[in-house]
C-alpha cells in the first residue's frame, strides 16, 4: 500500500490556508480600523 502521509499533509495545509483566509477576511470586514487609526494619529500629534 502507498503511504498516505503526503495526502494528509496536503489536506492539513489546505485546511490551514482556508482558516487563514477566513481570519484575514474577518479582520478586513469586521473591525473598525478608523478608531485604531484615529487613536494612533492622536498619539502621534501629542508627541510633537
Protein backbone atom coordinates (compact mmCIF):
# COMPACT_ATOMS: atom_id res chain seq x y z
CA UNK A 1 0.00 0.00 0.00
CA UNK A 2 1.05 3.56 -0.60
CA UNK A 3 1.99 5.89 2.22
CA UNK A 4 -0.85 8.36 2.78
CA UNK A 5 1.27 10.83 4.75
CA UNK A 6 1.63 13.24 1.83
CA UNK A 7 -2.12 13.25 1.18
CA UNK A 8 -2.81 14.02 4.85
CA UNK A 9 -0.23 16.81 4.83
CA UNK A 10 -1.83 18.37 1.75
CA UNK A 11 -5.28 18.19 3.34
CA UNK A 12 -3.95 19.82 6.51
CA UNK A 13 -2.22 22.57 4.51
CA UNK A 14 -5.42 23.27 2.57
CA UNK A 15 -7.40 23.49 5.81
CA UNK A 16 -4.87 25.90 7.34
CA UNK A 17 -4.93 28.07 4.20
CA UNK A 18 -8.74 28.17 4.37
CA UNK A 19 -8.66 29.21 8.03
CA UNK A 20 -6.03 31.84 7.29
CA UNK A 21 -8.24 33.26 4.53
CA UNK A 22 -11.25 33.37 6.86
CA UNK A 23 -9.24 35.20 9.53
CA UNK A 24 -7.99 37.74 7.01
CA UNK A 25 -11.50 38.33 5.70
CA UNK A 26 -12.82 38.79 9.24
CA UNK A 27 -10.04 41.26 10.03
CA UNK A 28 -10.90 43.33 6.98
CA UNK A 29 -14.69 43.19 7.23
CA UNK A 30 -15.44 43.05 10.95
CA UNK A 31 -13.03 45.50 12.52
CA UNK A 32 -13.36 49.25 12.87
CA UNK A 33 -9.92 50.36 11.76
CA UNK A 34 -10.91 54.04 11.80
CA UNK A 35 -10.90 54.03 15.61
CA UNK A 36 -7.44 52.49 15.69
CA UNK A 37 -6.11 54.97 13.14
CA UNK A 38 -7.66 57.92 14.98
CA UNK A 39 -6.09 56.81 18.26
CA UNK A 40 -2.66 56.44 16.66
CA UNK A 41 -3.00 59.82 14.98
CA UNK A 42 -3.79 61.49 18.31
CA UNK A 43 -0.80 59.77 19.95
CA UNK A 44 1.47 60.95 17.15
CA UNK A 45 0.19 64.53 17.29
CA UNK A 46 0.51 64.72 21.08
CA UNK A 47 4.11 63.52 20.86
CA UNK A 48 5.22 66.52 18.78
